[in-house]
PDB file of N, CA and C in Angstrom:
ATOM      1  N   MET A   1       5.833  38.027 -22.823  1.00  0.00           N
ATOM      2  CA  MET A   1       4.603  38.601 -23.299  1.00  0.00           C
ATOM      3  C   MET A   1       4.690  38.765 -24.806  1.00  0.00           C
ATOM      4  N   LYS A   2       3.512  38.797 -25.450  1.00  0.00           N
ATOM      5  CA  LYS A   2       3.470  39.037 -26.883  1.00  0.00           C
ATOM      6  C   LYS A   2       2.102  39.591 -27.259  1.00  0.00           C
ATOM      7  N   ILE A   3       2.016  40.127 -28.457  1.00  0.00           N
ATOM      8  CA  ILE A   3       0.768  40.694 -28.966  1.00  0.00           C
ATOM      9  C   ILE A   3      -0.238  39.562 -29.160  1.00  0.00           C
ATOM     10  N   LYS A   4      -1.479  39.799 -28.742  1.00  0.00           N
ATOM     11  CA  LYS A   4      -2.531  38.814 -28.963  1.00  0.00           C
ATOM     12  C   LYS A   4      -2.772  38.622 -30.451  1.00  0.00           C
ATOM     13  N   LYS A   5      -3.225  37.449 -30.814  1.00  0.00           N
ATOM     14  CA  LYS A   5      -3.502  37.107 -32.216  1.00  0.00           C
ATOM     15  C   LYS A   5      -4.679  37.905 -32.776  1.00  0.00           C
ATOM     16  N   ASP A   6      -5.401  38.631 -31.922  1.00  0.00           N
ATOM     17  CA  ASP A   6      -6.575  39.394 -32.340  1.00  0.00           C
ATOM     18  C   ASP A   6      -6.222  40.747 -32.958  1.00  0.00           C
ATOM     19  N   PHE A   7      -4.933  40.997 -33.189  1.00  0.00           N
ATOM     20  CA  PHE A   7      -4.494  42.280 -33.726  1.00  0.00           C
ATOM     21  C   PHE A   7      -3.442  42.069 -34.805  1.00  0.00           C
ATOM     22  N   VAL A   8      -3.490  42.921 -35.815  1.00  0.00           N
ATOM     23  CA  VAL A   8      -2.469  42.914 -36.858  1.00  0.00           C
ATOM     24  C   VAL A   8      -1.970  44.337 -37.049  1.00  0.00           C
ATOM     25  N   LEU A   9      -0.763  44.467 -37.549  1.00  0.00           N
ATOM     26  CA  LEU A   9      -0.167  45.762 -37.833  1.00  0.00           C
ATOM     27  C   LEU A   9      -0.220  45.989 -39.337  1.00  0.00           C
ATOM     28  N   ARG A  10      -0.765  47.142 -39.726  1.00  0.00           N
ATOM     29  CA  ARG A  10      -0.875  47.479 -41.138  1.00  0.00           C
ATOM     30  C   ARG A  10      -0.394  48.910 -41.356  1.00  0.00           C
ATOM     31  N   GLN A  11       0.151  49.157 -42.538  1.00  0.00           N
ATOM     32  CA  GLN A  11       0.520  50.516 -42.896  1.00  0.00           C
ATOM     33  C   GLN A  11      -0.601  51.067 -43.778  1.00  0.00           C
ATOM     34  N   VAL A  12      -1.191  52.170 -43.313  1.00  0.00           N
ATOM     35  CA  VAL A  12      -2.318  52.789 -44.005  1.00  0.00           C
ATOM     36  C   VAL A  12      -1.950  54.234 -44.301  1.00  0.00           C
ATOM     37  N   ALA A  13      -1.897  54.583 -45.563  1.00  0.00           N
ATOM     38  CA  ALA A  13      -1.582  55.958 -45.987  1.00  0.00           C
ATOM     39  C   ALA A  13      -0.311  56.476 -45.316  1.00  0.00           C
ATOM     40  N   GLY A  14       0.702  55.624 -45.239  1.00  0.00           N
ATOM     41  CA  GLY A  14       1.992  56.026 -44.681  1.00  0.00           C
ATOM     42  C   GLY A  14       2.077  55.998 -43.163  1.00  0.00           C
ATOM     43  N   SER A  15       1.012  55.597 -42.484  1.00  0.00           N
ATOM     44  CA  SER A  15       1.004  55.518 -41.014  1.00  0.00           C
ATOM     45  C   SER A  15       0.806  54.076 -40.578  1.00  0.00           C
ATOM     46  N   TRP A  16       1.415  53.711 -39.455  1.00  0.00           N
ATOM     47  CA  TRP A  16       1.246  52.372 -38.900  1.00  0.00           C
ATOM     48  C   TRP A  16      -0.012  52.325 -38.046  1.00  0.00           C
ATOM     49  N   MET A  17      -0.813  51.275 -38.226  1.00  0.00           N
ATOM     50  CA  MET A  17      -2.056  51.105 -37.487  1.00  0.00           C
ATOM     51  C   MET A  17      -2.143  49.694 -36.915  1.00  0.00           C
ATOM     52  N   ALA A  18      -2.513  49.611 -35.641  1.00  0.00           N
ATOM     53  CA  ALA A  18      -2.854  48.330 -35.041  1.00  0.00           C
ATOM     54  C   ALA A  18      -4.338  48.123 -35.312  1.00  0.00           C
ATOM     55  N   VAL A  19      -4.650  47.007 -35.943  1.00  0.00           N
ATOM     56  CA  VAL A  19      -6.014  46.754 -36.387  1.00  0.00           C
ATOM     57  C   VAL A  19      -6.569  45.545 -35.638  1.00  0.00           C
ATOM     58  N   PRO A  20      -7.657  45.745 -34.885  1.00  0.00           N
ATOM     59  CA  PRO A  20      -8.280  44.599 -34.228  1.00  0.00           C
ATOM     60  C   PRO A  20      -9.025  43.760 -35.272  1.00  0.00           C
ATOM     61  N   ILE A  21      -8.980  42.450 -35.114  1.00  0.00           N
ATOM     62  CA  ILE A  21      -9.664  41.557 -36.043  1.00  0.00           C
ATOM     63  C   ILE A  21     -10.566  40.616 -35.258  1.00  0.00           C
ATOM     64  N   GLY A  22     -11.459  39.957 -35.964  1.00  0.00           N
ATOM     65  CA  GLY A  22     -12.354  39.006 -35.331  1.00  0.00           C
ATOM     66  C   GLY A  22     -13.239  39.672 -34.291  1.00  0.00           C
ATOM     67  N   ALA A  23     -13.488  38.963 -33.197  1.00  0.00           N
ATOM     68  CA  ALA A  23     -14.353  39.467 -32.134  1.00  0.00           C
ATOM     69  C   ALA A  23     -13.815  40.753 -31.519  1.00  0.00           C
ATOM     70  N   MET A  24     -12.489  40.915 -31.515  1.00  0.00           N
ATOM     71  CA  MET A  24     -11.878  42.095 -30.915  1.00  0.00           C
ATOM     72  C   MET A  24     -12.215  43.362 -31.705  1.00  0.00           C
ATOM     73  N   ALA A  25     -12.517  43.240 -32.998  1.00  0.00           N
ATOM     74  CA  ALA A  25     -12.854  44.412 -33.816  1.00  0.00           C
ATOM     75  C   ALA A  25     -14.070  45.133 -33.258  1.00  0.00           C
ATOM     76  N   GLY A  26     -15.054  44.390 -32.798  1.00  0.00           N
ATOM     77  CA  GLY A  26     -16.249  44.997 -32.209  1.00  0.00           C
ATOM     78  C   GLY A  26     -15.987  45.616 -30.856  1.00  0.00           C
ATOM     79  N   GLU A  27     -15.092  45.028 -30.095  1.00  0.00           N
ATOM     80  CA  GLU A  27     -14.781  45.532 -28.759  1.00  0.00           C
ATOM     81  C   GLU A  27     -13.942  46.801 -28.789  1.00  0.00           C
ATOM     82  N   MET A  28     -12.976  46.880 -29.700  1.00  0.00           N
ATOM     83  CA  MET A  28     -12.056  48.011 -29.728  1.00  0.00           C
ATOM     84  C   MET A  28     -12.663  49.237 -30.414  1.00  0.00           C
ATOM     85  N   GLY A  29     -13.473  49.015 -31.422  1.00  0.00           N
ATOM     86  CA  GLY A  29     -14.138  50.116 -32.083  1.00  0.00           C
ATOM     87  C   GLY A  29     -13.243  51.018 -32.916  1.00  0.00           C
ATOM     88  N   GLY A  30     -12.170  50.507 -33.483  1.00  0.00           N
ATOM     89  CA  GLY A  30     -11.358  51.329 -34.357  1.00  0.00           C
ATOM     90  C   GLY A  30      -9.911  50.931 -34.409  1.00  0.00           C
ATOM     91  N   LEU A  31      -9.156  51.695 -35.182  1.00  0.00           N
ATOM     92  CA  LEU A  31      -7.730  51.463 -35.356  1.00  0.00           C
ATOM     93  C   LEU A  31      -6.955  52.229 -34.292  1.00  0.00           C
ATOM     94  N   ILE A  32      -5.730  51.806 -34.049  1.00  0.00           N
ATOM     95  CA  ILE A  32      -4.846  52.482 -33.107  1.00  0.00           C
ATOM     96  C   ILE A  32      -3.596  52.884 -33.869  1.00  0.00           C
ATOM     97  N   ALA A  33      -3.341  54.196 -33.937  1.00  0.00           N
ATOM     98  CA  ALA A  33      -2.185  54.709 -34.674  1.00  0.00           C
ATOM     99  C   ALA A  33      -0.908  54.497 -33.869  1.00  0.00           C
ATOM    100  N   LEU A  34       0.163  54.081 -34.551  1.00  0.00           N
ATOM    101  CA  LEU A  34       1.456  53.855 -33.916  1.00  0.00           C
ATOM    102  C   LEU A  34       2.527  54.656 -34.645  1.00  0.00           C
ATOM    103  N   ASN A  35       3.481  55.198 -33.883  1.00  0.00           N
ATOM    104  CA  ASN A  35       4.628  55.820 -34.539  1.00  0.00           C
ATOM    105  C   ASN A  35       5.621  54.724 -34.922  1.00  0.00           C
ATOM    106  N   GLY A  36       6.714  55.094 -35.557  1.00  0.00           N
ATOM    107  CA  GLY A  36       7.677  54.103 -36.036  1.00  0.00           C
ATOM    108  C   GLY A  36       8.286  53.258 -34.933  1.00  0.00           C
ATOM    109  N   THR A  37       8.612  53.880 -33.811  1.00  0.00           N
ATOM    110  CA  THR A  37       9.199  53.132 -32.692  1.00  0.00           C
ATOM    111  C   THR A  37       8.184  52.155 -32.114  1.00  0.00           C
ATOM    112  N   ALA A  38       6.948  52.599 -31.954  1.00  0.00           N
ATOM    113  CA  ALA A  38       5.901  51.715 -31.440  1.00  0.00           C
ATOM    114  C   ALA A  38       5.687  50.541 -32.395  1.00  0.00           C
ATOM    115  N   ALA A  39       5.757  50.797 -33.697  1.00  0.00           N
ATOM    116  CA  ALA A  39       5.621  49.716 -34.674  1.00  0.00           C
ATOM    117  C   ALA A  39       6.776  48.721 -34.545  1.00  0.00           C
ATOM    118  N   ASP A  40       7.978  49.225 -34.288  1.00  0.00           N
ATOM    119  CA  ASP A  40       9.118  48.325 -34.063  1.00  0.00           C
ATOM    120  C   ASP A  40       8.903  47.462 -32.827  1.00  0.00           C
ATOM    121  N   ILE A  41       8.430  48.074 -31.747  1.00  0.00           N
ATOM    122  CA  ILE A  41       8.143  47.312 -30.519  1.00  0.00           C
ATOM    123  C   ILE A  41       7.070  46.268 -30.808  1.00  0.00           C
ATOM    124  N   TRP A  42       6.030  46.680 -31.526  1.00  0.00           N
ATOM    125  CA  TRP A  42       4.945  45.766 -31.902  1.00  0.00           C
ATOM    126  C   TRP A  42       5.503  44.552 -32.635  1.00  0.00           C
ATOM    127  N   ASN A  43       6.372  44.805 -33.613  1.00  0.00           N
ATOM    128  CA  ASN A  43       6.945  43.706 -34.394  1.00  0.00           C
ATOM    129  C   ASN A  43       7.794  42.783 -33.529  1.00  0.00           C
ATOM    130  N   ILE A  44       8.542  43.344 -32.602  1.00  0.00           N
ATOM    131  CA  ILE A  44       9.330  42.515 -31.676  1.00  0.00           C
ATOM    132  C   ILE A  44       8.403  41.633 -30.846  1.00  0.00           C
ATOM    133  N   LEU A  45       7.266  42.196 -30.450  1.00  0.00           N
ATOM    134  CA  LEU A  45       6.332  41.463 -29.586  1.00  0.00           C
ATOM    135  C   LEU A  45       5.434  40.490 -30.355  1.00  0.00           C
ATOM    136  N   GLN A  46       5.736  40.262 -31.621  1.00  0.00           N
ATOM    137  CA  GLN A  46       5.059  39.182 -32.330  1.00  0.00           C
ATOM    138  C   GLN A  46       5.533  37.838 -31.769  1.00  0.00           C
ATOM    139  N   ASP A  47       6.734  37.849 -31.199  1.00  0.00           N
ATOM    140  CA  ASP A  47       7.271  36.681 -30.496  1.00  0.00           C
ATOM    141  C   ASP A  47       7.297  37.010 -29.009  1.00  0.00           C
ATOM    142  N   ASP A  48       7.389  36.008 -28.198  1.00  0.00           N
ATOM    143  CA  ASP A  48       7.370  36.176 -26.747  1.00  0.00           C
ATOM    144  C   ASP A  48       8.693  36.766 -26.261  1.00  0.00           C
ATOM    145  N   HIS A  49       8.625  37.962 -25.647  1.00  0.00           N
ATOM    146  CA  HIS A  49       9.805  38.638 -25.108  1.00  0.00           C
ATOM    147  C   HIS A  49       9.465  39.336 -23.804  1.00  0.00           C
ATOM    148  N   THR A  50      10.467  39.480 -22.953  1.00  0.00           N
ATOM    149  CA  THR A  50      10.305  40.301 -21.757  1.00  0.00           C
ATOM    150  C   THR A  50      10.527  41.761 -22.146  1.00  0.00           C
ATOM    151  N   GLU A  51      10.154  42.650 -21.249  1.00  0.00           N
ATOM    152  CA  GLU A  51      10.373  44.074 -21.489  1.00  0.00           C
ATOM    153  C   GLU A  51      11.861  44.376 -21.675  1.00  0.00           C
ATOM    154  N   ASP A  52      12.709  43.763 -20.864  1.00  0.00           N
ATOM    155  CA  ASP A  52      14.162  43.969 -20.993  1.00  0.00           C
ATOM    156  C   ASP A  52      14.691  43.470 -22.330  1.00  0.00           C
ATOM    157  N   GLU A  53      14.166  42.363 -22.817  1.00  0.00           N
ATOM    158  CA  GLU A  53      14.599  41.850 -24.125  1.00  0.00           C
ATOM    159  C   GLU A  53      14.216  42.819 -25.242  1.00  0.00           C
ATOM    160  N   VAL A  54      13.032  43.405 -25.142  1.00  0.00           N
ATOM    161  CA  VAL A  54      12.607  44.391 -26.138  1.00  0.00           C
ATOM    162  C   VAL A  54      13.583  45.569 -26.146  1.00  0.00           C
ATOM    163  N   VAL A  55      13.945  46.053 -24.959  1.00  0.00           N
ATOM    164  CA  VAL A  55      14.896  47.160 -24.840  1.00  0.00           C
ATOM    165  C   VAL A  55      16.228  46.776 -25.485  1.00  0.00           C
ATOM    166  N   ASP A  56      16.725  45.588 -25.179  1.00  0.00           N
ATOM    167  CA  ASP A  56      18.008  45.141 -25.735  1.00  0.00           C
ATOM    168  C   ASP A  56      17.974  45.078 -27.261  1.00  0.00           C
ATOM    169  N   ILE A  57      16.878  44.602 -27.829  1.00  0.00           N
ATOM    170  CA  ILE A  57      16.750  44.522 -29.285  1.00  0.00           C
ATOM    171  C   ILE A  57      16.731  45.922 -29.889  1.00  0.00           C
ATOM    172  N   LEU A  58      15.981  46.833 -29.289  1.00  0.00           N
ATOM    173  CA  LEU A  58      15.916  48.196 -29.814  1.00  0.00           C
ATOM    174  C   LEU A  58      17.264  48.907 -29.728  1.00  0.00           C
ATOM    175  N   LEU A  59      18.028  48.613 -28.686  1.00  0.00           N
ATOM    176  CA  LEU A  59      19.349  49.233 -28.540  1.00  0.00           C
ATOM    177  C   LEU A  59      20.284  48.878 -29.701  1.00  0.00           C
ATOM    178  N   MET A  60      20.038  47.746 -30.343  1.00  0.00           N
ATOM    179  CA  MET A  60      20.847  47.357 -31.496  1.00  0.00           C
ATOM    180  C   MET A  60      20.508  48.182 -32.732  1.00  0.00           C
ATOM    181  N   HIS A  61      19.341  48.835 -32.728  1.00  0.00           N
ATOM    182  CA  HIS A  61      18.863  49.536 -33.920  1.00  0.00           C
ATOM    183  C   HIS A  61      18.739  51.050 -33.765  1.00  0.00           C
ATOM    184  N   TYR A  62      18.745  51.524 -32.531  1.00  0.00           N
ATOM    185  CA  TYR A  62      18.574  52.955 -32.279  1.00  0.00           C
ATOM    186  C   TYR A  62      19.781  53.508 -31.540  1.00  0.00           C
ATOM    187  N   GLU A  63      20.168  54.702 -31.902  1.00  0.00           N
ATOM    188  CA  GLU A  63      21.219  55.402 -31.167  1.00  0.00           C
ATOM    189  C   GLU A  63      20.539  56.284 -30.131  1.00  0.00           C
ATOM    190  N   ALA A  64      20.337  55.730 -28.962  1.00  0.00           N
ATOM    191  CA  ALA A  64      19.662  56.441 -27.874  1.00  0.00           C
ATOM    192  C   ALA A  64      20.164  55.877 -26.557  1.00  0.00           C
ATOM    193  N   GLU A  65      19.947  56.633 -25.516  1.00  0.00           N
ATOM    194  CA  GLU A  65      20.311  56.172 -24.180  1.00  0.00           C
ATOM    195  C   GLU A  65      19.393  55.029 -23.761  1.00  0.00           C
ATOM    196  N   ARG A  66      19.958  54.050 -23.074  1.00  0.00           N
ATOM    197  CA  ARG A  66      19.171  52.918 -22.595  1.00  0.00           C
ATOM    198  C   ARG A  66      17.971  53.394 -21.780  1.00  0.00           C
ATOM    199  N   SER A  67      18.189  54.396 -20.926  1.00  0.00           N
ATOM    200  CA  SER A  67      17.105  54.871 -20.060  1.00  0.00           C
ATOM    201  C   SER A  67      15.934  55.427 -20.874  1.00  0.00           C
ATOM    202  N   GLN A  68      16.226  56.090 -21.986  1.00  0.00           N
ATOM    203  CA  GLN A  68      15.159  56.642 -22.829  1.00  0.00           C
ATOM    204  C   GLN A  68      14.387  55.520 -23.516  1.00  0.00           C
ATOM    205  N   ILE A  69      15.111  54.536 -24.022  1.00  0.00           N
ATOM    206  CA  ILE A  69      14.448  53.400 -24.661  1.00  0.00           C
ATOM    207  C   ILE A  69      13.618  52.639 -23.638  1.00  0.00           C
ATOM    208  N   GLN A  70      14.163  52.422 -22.447  1.00  0.00           N
ATOM    209  CA  GLN A  70      13.412  51.732 -21.392  1.00  0.00           C
ATOM    210  C   GLN A  70      12.111  52.454 -21.084  1.00  0.00           C
ATOM    211  N   GLU A  71      12.177  53.770 -20.981  1.00  0.00           N
ATOM    212  CA  GLU A  71      10.976  54.549 -20.671  1.00  0.00           C
ATOM    213  C   GLU A  71       9.938  54.412 -21.780  1.00  0.00           C
ATOM    214  N   ASN A  72      10.383  54.532 -23.031  1.00  0.00           N
ATOM    215  CA  ASN A  72       9.458  54.415 -24.166  1.00  0.00           C
ATOM    216  C   ASN A  72       8.837  53.031 -24.242  1.00  0.00           C
ATOM    217  N   VAL A  73       9.648  51.998 -24.060  1.00  0.00           N
ATOM    218  CA  VAL A  73       9.141  50.621 -24.096  1.00  0.00           C
ATOM    219  C   VAL A  73       8.151  50.401 -22.959  1.00  0.00           C
ATOM    220  N   HIS A  74       8.517  50.830 -21.763  1.00  0.00           N
ATOM    221  CA  HIS A  74       7.630  50.649 -20.609  1.00  0.00           C
ATOM    222  C   HIS A  74       6.282  51.342 -20.836  1.00  0.00           C
ATOM    223  N   ASP A  75       6.325  52.584 -21.315  1.00  0.00           N
ATOM    224  CA  ASP A  75       5.080  53.331 -21.546  1.00  0.00           C
ATOM    225  C   ASP A  75       4.194  52.645 -22.578  1.00  0.00           C
ATOM    226  N   PHE A  76       4.804  52.171 -23.669  1.00  0.00           N
ATOM    227  CA  PHE A  76       4.014  51.528 -24.718  1.00  0.00           C
ATOM    228  C   PHE A  76       3.460  50.190 -24.246  1.00  0.00           C
ATOM    229  N   ILE A  77       4.261  49.410 -23.549  1.00  0.00           N
ATOM    230  CA  ILE A  77       3.781  48.127 -23.033  1.00  0.00           C
ATOM    231  C   ILE A  77       2.659  48.340 -22.019  1.00  0.00           C
ATOM    232  N   THR A  78       2.774  49.365 -21.202  1.00  0.00           N
ATOM    233  CA  THR A  78       1.709  49.689 -20.247  1.00  0.00           C
ATOM    234  C   THR A  78       0.411  49.992 -20.995  1.00  0.00           C
ATOM    235  N   GLU A  79       0.512  50.758 -22.075  1.00  0.00           N
ATOM    236  CA  GLU A  79      -0.671  51.082 -22.879  1.00  0.00           C
ATOM    237  C   GLU A  79      -1.268  49.822 -23.505  1.00  0.00           C
ATOM    238  N   LEU A  80      -0.418  48.945 -24.032  1.00  0.00           N
ATOM    239  CA  LEU A  80      -0.908  47.692 -24.605  1.00  0.00           C
ATOM    240  C   LEU A  80      -1.622  46.844 -23.555  1.00  0.00           C
ATOM    241  N   ARG A  81      -1.072  46.787 -22.358  1.00  0.00           N
ATOM    242  CA  ARG A  81      -1.708  46.027 -21.270  1.00  0.00           C
ATOM    243  C   ARG A  81      -3.076  46.609 -20.938  1.00  0.00           C
ATOM    244  N   GLN A  82      -3.141  47.928 -20.805  1.00  0.00           N
ATOM    245  CA  GLN A  82      -4.393  48.588 -20.458  1.00  0.00           C
ATOM    246  C   GLN A  82      -5.477  48.325 -21.491  1.00  0.00           C
ATOM    247  N   LYS A  83      -5.083  48.182 -22.742  1.00  0.00           N
ATOM    248  CA  LYS A  83      -6.043  47.943 -23.822  1.00  0.00           C
ATOM    249  C   LYS A  83      -6.307  46.452 -24.052  1.00  0.00           C
ATOM    250  N   GLY A  84      -5.662  45.605 -23.251  1.00  0.00           N
ATOM    251  CA  GLY A  84      -5.886  44.171 -23.370  1.00  0.00           C
ATOM    252  C   GLY A  84      -5.324  43.564 -24.638  1.00  0.00           C
ATOM    253  N   MET A  85      -4.206  44.105 -25.109  1.00  0.00           N
ATOM    254  CA  MET A  85      -3.644  43.667 -26.370  1.00  0.00           C
ATOM    255  C   MET A  85      -2.483  42.680 -26.228  1.00  0.00           C
ATOM    256  N   LEU A  86      -2.101  42.351 -25.004  1.00  0.00           N
ATOM    257  CA  LEU A  86      -0.957  41.467 -24.769  1.00  0.00           C
ATOM    258  C   LEU A  86      -1.369  40.139 -24.153  1.00  0.00           C
ATOM    259  N   GLU A  87      -0.666  39.101 -24.559  1.00  0.00           N
ATOM    260  CA  GLU A  87      -0.712  37.805 -23.868  1.00  0.00           C
ATOM    261  C   GLU A  87       0.462  37.811 -22.910  1.00  0.00           C
ATOM    262  N   GLU A  88       0.222  37.591 -21.648  1.00  0.00           N
ATOM    263  CA  GLU A  88       1.305  37.635 -20.655  1.00  0.00           C
ATOM    264  C   GLU A  88       1.789  36.227 -20.358  1.00  0.00           C
TER     265      GLU A  88
END
């Protein structure tokens, strides 16, 4: 899975924002704020990765338990799916 081409990540006033572009801009109706970890996941998903691959990549950069990273990744990916932001 990966982020659809209809979205870009931008830093606005020190905060990360997912910005819909093109036709998706009218459908989404605004920006989506992301924390730093969500922005890292977003950047990983610019390329095609499985959920487990995302977890493995984050484990190289964060000092956290695998189970905590898995939960955070799963929750964020679920949200992206619900909003129609992923290519599966």
